[in-house]
Amino acid sequence: MRIPCPICGERDVGEFTYGGDATLSRPAMDETDTSVWNRFVYDRENPRGPHLEYWQHTGGCRAWFKLQRNVLTHEVGACELVGPWSGSPGKDVPAEQKGPVK
């Protein structure tokens, strides 16, 4: 499978790490109800078709992004930077996280 990194371009899936379901909302850190955390950690859907996921380009620029992927066909769709990388590609990326200059 090929994944289009918004900063480095299309790369082999071996350069990336799956970061989880991007459709879930994490409970507040001060949430003390264990049933809320239990639902967040264990109650998951098993989607078929297009799904929004977090990925990190661990073998490259180290940026995190959301990726639309069809879990049946592995067809890759839209991709969007998140976190400190969500500015323009190459801008607002922490210096220690930037990949090699091309």
N, C-alpha and C. Protein backbone atom coordinates (compact mmCIF):
# COMPACT_ATOMS: atom_id res chain seq x y z
N MET A 1 0.85 -1.17 0.00
CA MET A 1 0.00 0.00 0.00
C MET A 1 0.90 1.24 0.00
N ARG A 2 0.51 2.26 -0.73
CA ARG A 2 1.23 3.53 -0.79
C ARG A 2 0.41 4.58 -0.06
N ILE A 3 1.08 5.38 0.77
CA ILE A 3 0.41 6.43 1.54
C ILE A 3 0.99 7.78 1.12
N PRO A 4 0.11 8.76 0.84
CA PRO A 4 0.59 10.08 0.43
C PRO A 4 0.86 10.99 1.64
N CYS A 5 2.11 11.09 2.07
CA CYS A 5 2.45 12.00 3.15
C CYS A 5 2.27 13.43 2.63
N PRO A 6 1.55 14.28 3.36
CA PRO A 6 1.32 15.65 2.90
C PRO A 6 2.61 16.48 2.79
N ILE A 7 3.67 16.05 3.46
CA ILE A 7 4.93 16.79 3.41
C ILE A 7 5.92 16.14 2.44
N CYS A 8 6.08 14.81 2.52
CA CYS A 8 7.11 14.11 1.74
C CYS A 8 6.62 13.51 0.43
N GLY A 9 5.31 13.42 0.25
CA GLY A 9 4.77 12.79 -0.95
C GLY A 9 4.48 11.32 -0.71
N GLU A 10 4.15 10.63 -1.77
CA GLU A 10 3.74 9.22 -1.67
C GLU A 10 4.92 8.33 -1.29
N ARG A 11 4.67 7.47 -0.29
CA ARG A 11 5.70 6.55 0.21
C ARG A 11 5.07 5.19 0.51
N ASP A 12 5.93 4.18 0.70
CA ASP A 12 5.49 2.84 1.05
C ASP A 12 4.95 2.82 2.48
N VAL A 13 3.95 2.00 2.73
CA VAL A 13 3.31 1.91 4.05
C VAL A 13 4.31 1.55 5.15
N GLY A 14 5.42 0.91 4.82
CA GLY A 14 6.43 0.53 5.80
C GLY A 14 7.07 1.71 6.51
N GLU A 15 6.94 2.91 5.95
CA GLU A 15 7.50 4.12 6.57
C GLU A 15 6.55 4.74 7.59
N PHE A 16 5.34 4.20 7.71
CA PHE A 16 4.30 4.82 8.53
C PHE A 16 3.88 3.93 9.69
N THR A 17 3.33 4.56 10.72
CA THR A 17 2.76 3.84 11.86
C THR A 17 1.30 4.24 12.00
N TYR A 18 0.44 3.24 12.10
CA TYR A 18 -0.99 3.47 12.30
C TYR A 18 -1.20 4.06 13.69
N GLY A 19 -2.01 5.12 13.77
CA GLY A 19 -2.21 5.79 15.05
C GLY A 19 -3.58 5.64 15.65
N GLY A 20 -4.48 4.94 14.96
CA GLY A 20 -5.80 4.71 15.53
C GLY A 20 -6.92 5.37 14.76
N ASP A 21 -8.10 5.17 15.28
CA ASP A 21 -9.35 5.66 14.71
C ASP A 21 -9.46 7.17 14.91
N ALA A 22 -9.57 7.92 13.83
CA ALA A 22 -9.64 9.39 13.92
C ALA A 22 -11.06 9.90 14.09
N THR A 23 -12.02 9.00 14.23
CA THR A 23 -13.41 9.43 14.40
C THR A 23 -13.83 9.46 15.87
N LEU A 24 -12.99 8.95 16.76
CA LEU A 24 -13.32 8.90 18.18
C LEU A 24 -12.97 10.20 18.88
N SER A 25 -13.75 10.55 19.89
CA SER A 25 -13.46 11.71 20.74
C SER A 25 -12.95 11.21 22.07
N ARG A 26 -11.75 11.62 22.42
CA ARG A 26 -11.14 11.20 23.68
C ARG A 26 -11.82 11.91 24.85
N PRO A 27 -12.09 11.19 25.94
CA PRO A 27 -12.66 11.85 27.12
C PRO A 27 -11.67 12.87 27.69
N ALA A 28 -12.19 13.82 28.45
CA ALA A 28 -11.33 14.81 29.10
C ALA A 28 -10.37 14.10 30.05
N MET A 29 -9.15 14.63 30.18
CA MET A 29 -8.15 13.99 31.04
C MET A 29 -8.57 13.95 32.51
N ASP A 30 -9.44 14.85 32.91
CA ASP A 30 -9.89 14.84 34.30
C ASP A 30 -11.15 13.99 34.51
N GLU A 31 -11.56 13.26 33.49
CA GLU A 31 -12.73 12.36 33.59
C GLU A 31 -12.39 11.22 34.54
N THR A 32 -13.21 11.01 35.55
CA THR A 32 -12.94 9.97 36.54
C THR A 32 -13.90 8.78 36.45
N ASP A 33 -14.91 8.88 35.60
CA ASP A 33 -15.86 7.79 35.43
C ASP A 33 -15.22 6.69 34.60
N THR A 34 -14.96 5.55 35.21
CA THR A 34 -14.28 4.46 34.51
C THR A 34 -15.11 3.90 33.36
N SER A 35 -16.42 4.00 33.42
CA SER A 35 -17.24 3.49 32.32
C SER A 35 -17.04 4.33 31.06
N VAL A 36 -16.79 5.63 31.22
CA VAL A 36 -16.52 6.49 30.07
C VAL A 36 -15.21 6.07 29.40
N TRP A 37 -14.17 5.86 30.19
CA TRP A 37 -12.88 5.43 29.65
C TRP A 37 -12.95 4.01 29.08
N ASN A 38 -13.74 3.16 29.73
CA ASN A 38 -13.93 1.80 29.22
C ASN A 38 -14.53 1.83 27.82
N ARG A 39 -15.57 2.64 27.63
CA ARG A 39 -16.19 2.76 26.30
C ARG A 39 -15.21 3.29 25.28
N PHE A 40 -14.41 4.30 25.66
CA PHE A 40 -13.44 4.88 24.74
C PHE A 40 -12.37 3.85 24.30
N VAL A 41 -11.88 3.08 25.26
CA VAL A 41 -10.80 2.14 24.96
C VAL A 41 -11.29 0.86 24.28
N TYR A 42 -12.44 0.31 24.73
CA TYR A 42 -12.83 -1.02 24.28
C TYR A 42 -14.02 -1.10 23.33
N ASP A 43 -14.95 -0.17 23.40
CA ASP A 43 -16.13 -0.25 22.54
C ASP A 43 -15.84 0.38 21.18
N ARG A 44 -15.49 -0.45 20.23
CA ARG A 44 -15.11 0.05 18.90
C ARG A 44 -15.99 -0.58 17.83
N GLU A 45 -16.26 0.19 16.81
CA GLU A 45 -16.95 -0.31 15.63
C GLU A 45 -15.92 -1.01 14.75
N ASN A 46 -16.38 -1.88 13.89
CA ASN A 46 -15.52 -2.51 12.91
C ASN A 46 -16.02 -2.05 11.53
N PRO A 47 -15.55 -0.88 11.08
CA PRO A 47 -16.11 -0.28 9.86
C PRO A 47 -15.77 -1.08 8.61
N ARG A 48 -16.65 -0.98 7.64
CA ARG A 48 -16.41 -1.55 6.32
C ARG A 48 -16.50 -0.40 5.33
N GLY A 49 -15.52 -0.28 4.46
CA GLY A 49 -15.51 0.81 3.51
C GLY A 49 -14.65 1.96 4.00
N PRO A 50 -14.98 3.19 3.56
CA PRO A 50 -14.15 4.35 3.92
C PRO A 50 -14.12 4.60 5.43
N HIS A 51 -12.93 4.93 5.92
CA HIS A 51 -12.75 5.15 7.34
C HIS A 51 -11.66 6.20 7.53
N LEU A 52 -11.78 7.04 8.56
CA LEU A 52 -10.80 8.08 8.85
C LEU A 52 -9.85 7.58 9.94
N GLU A 53 -8.54 7.62 9.64
CA GLU A 53 -7.54 7.07 10.55
C GLU A 53 -6.41 8.07 10.79
N TYR A 54 -5.73 7.94 11.96
CA TYR A 54 -4.51 8.69 12.22
C TYR A 54 -3.32 7.86 11.77
N TRP A 55 -2.34 8.51 11.14
CA TRP A 55 -1.09 7.87 10.74
C TRP A 55 0.06 8.81 11.05
N GLN A 56 1.24 8.26 11.34
CA GLN A 56 2.44 9.08 11.52
C GLN A 56 3.51 8.59 10.56
N HIS A 57 4.20 9.53 9.92
CA HIS A 57 5.28 9.19 9.00
C HIS A 57 6.56 9.00 9.81
N THR A 58 6.65 7.87 10.52
CA THR A 58 7.76 7.60 11.42
C THR A 58 9.07 7.39 10.69
N GLY A 59 9.02 6.96 9.43
CA GLY A 59 10.24 6.73 8.65
C GLY A 59 10.59 7.91 7.78
N GLY A 60 10.05 9.08 8.10
CA GLY A 60 10.31 10.26 7.28
C GLY A 60 10.24 11.52 8.12
N CYS A 61 9.31 12.39 7.81
CA CYS A 61 9.20 13.71 8.45
C CYS A 61 8.63 13.67 9.86
N ARG A 62 8.09 12.55 10.30
CA ARG A 62 7.51 12.33 11.63
C ARG A 62 6.16 13.03 11.84
N ALA A 63 5.60 13.61 10.80
CA ALA A 63 4.33 14.33 10.92
C ALA A 63 3.17 13.37 11.14
N TRP A 64 2.15 13.86 11.85
CA TRP A 64 0.90 13.13 12.06
C TRP A 64 -0.13 13.70 11.09
N PHE A 65 -0.99 12.82 10.58
CA PHE A 65 -2.06 13.27 9.69
C PHE A 65 -3.24 12.32 9.76
N LYS A 66 -4.39 12.83 9.30
CA LYS A 66 -5.59 12.00 9.16
C LYS A 66 -5.65 11.53 7.72
N LEU A 67 -5.99 10.27 7.55
CA LEU A 67 -6.05 9.67 6.22
C LEU A 67 -7.38 8.97 6.04
N GLN A 68 -8.04 9.24 4.93
CA GLN A 68 -9.26 8.51 4.58
C GLN A 68 -8.81 7.25 3.84
N ARG A 69 -9.17 6.06 4.36
CA ARG A 69 -8.76 4.80 3.74
C ARG A 69 -9.95 3.85 3.71
N ASN A 70 -10.12 3.18 2.59
CA ASN A 70 -11.15 2.16 2.48
C ASN A 70 -10.57 0.88 3.08
N VAL A 71 -11.14 0.41 4.19
CA VAL A 71 -10.57 -0.73 4.89
C VAL A 71 -10.81 -2.06 4.17
N LEU A 72 -11.65 -2.06 3.16
CA LEU A 72 -11.86 -3.28 2.37
C LEU A 72 -10.89 -3.37 1.20
N THR A 73 -10.66 -2.26 0.53
CA THR A 73 -9.81 -2.26 -0.67
C THR A 73 -8.44 -1.63 -0.45
N HIS A 74 -8.24 -0.97 0.69
CA HIS A 74 -7.02 -0.22 1.03
C HIS A 74 -6.79 0.96 0.09
N GLU A 75 -7.84 1.38 -0.61
CA GLU A 75 -7.74 2.56 -1.45
C GLU A 75 -7.62 3.78 -0.54
N VAL A 76 -6.65 4.63 -0.83
CA VAL A 76 -6.36 5.80 0.00
C VAL A 76 -6.99 7.03 -0.61
N GLY A 77 -7.60 7.86 0.24
CA GLY A 77 -8.26 9.07 -0.23
C GLY A 77 -7.62 10.32 0.36
N ALA A 78 -8.45 11.21 0.88
CA ALA A 78 -7.99 12.51 1.39
C ALA A 78 -7.04 12.35 2.57
N CYS A 79 -6.14 13.32 2.69
CA CYS A 79 -5.13 13.31 3.73
C CYS A 79 -4.98 14.73 4.26
N GLU A 80 -4.86 14.88 5.59
CA GLU A 80 -4.79 16.22 6.20
C GLU A 80 -3.87 16.19 7.42
N LEU A 81 -2.93 17.13 7.49
CA LEU A 81 -2.02 17.23 8.62
C LEU A 81 -2.79 17.59 9.89
N VAL A 82 -2.30 17.12 11.05
CA VAL A 82 -2.92 17.44 12.34
C VAL A 82 -1.85 17.89 13.33
N GLY A 83 -2.29 18.48 14.43
CA GLY A 83 -1.36 18.91 15.47
C GLY A 83 -0.49 20.06 15.01
N PRO A 84 0.77 20.10 15.49
CA PRO A 84 1.64 21.22 15.14
C PRO A 84 2.00 21.25 13.65
N TRP A 85 1.68 20.20 12.94
CA TRP A 85 1.97 20.12 11.50
C TRP A 85 0.82 20.64 10.65
N SER A 86 -0.27 21.06 11.26
CA SER A 86 -1.46 21.39 10.49
C SER A 86 -1.37 22.70 9.73
N GLY A 87 -0.28 23.45 9.87
CA GLY A 87 -0.05 24.64 9.05
C GLY A 87 0.34 24.21 7.65
N SER A 88 0.84 25.12 6.87
CA SER A 88 1.29 24.79 5.51
C SER A 88 2.41 23.77 5.57
N PRO A 89 2.44 22.80 4.62
CA PRO A 89 3.50 21.80 4.62
C PRO A 89 4.88 22.48 4.63
N GLY A 90 5.73 22.04 5.56
CA GLY A 90 7.06 22.59 5.68
C GLY A 90 7.12 23.78 6.62
N LYS A 91 5.98 24.42 6.88
CA LYS A 91 5.92 25.55 7.80
C LYS A 91 5.33 25.06 9.11
N ASP A 92 5.68 25.69 10.19
CA ASP A 92 5.15 25.38 11.51
C ASP A 92 5.48 23.97 11.97
N VAL A 93 6.37 23.29 11.27
CA VAL A 93 6.78 21.95 11.69
C VAL A 93 7.99 22.13 12.61
N PRO A 94 7.96 21.57 13.81
CA PRO A 94 9.10 21.72 14.70
C PRO A 94 10.39 21.28 14.02
N ALA A 95 11.47 22.05 14.18
CA ALA A 95 12.73 21.78 13.48
C ALA A 95 13.21 20.35 13.67
N GLU A 96 13.05 19.82 14.90
CA GLU A 96 13.52 18.45 15.14
C GLU A 96 12.66 17.39 14.46
N GLN A 97 11.50 17.80 13.92
CA GLN A 97 10.59 16.87 13.26
C GLN A 97 10.68 16.94 11.75
N LYS A 98 11.42 17.92 11.21
CA LYS A 98 11.49 18.06 9.76
C LYS A 98 12.33 16.95 9.16
N GLY A 99 11.94 16.49 8.00
CA GLY A 99 12.70 15.48 7.28
C GLY A 99 13.81 16.14 6.49
N PRO A 100 14.54 15.36 5.69
CA PRO A 100 15.63 15.91 4.88
C PRO A 100 15.11 16.90 3.85
N VAL A 101 15.89 17.91 3.58
CA VAL A 101 15.51 18.91 2.58
C VAL A 101 15.71 18.32 1.21
N LYS A 102 14.73 18.54 0.32
CA LYS A 102 14.81 18.00 -1.04
C LYS A 102 15.12 19.08 -2.02
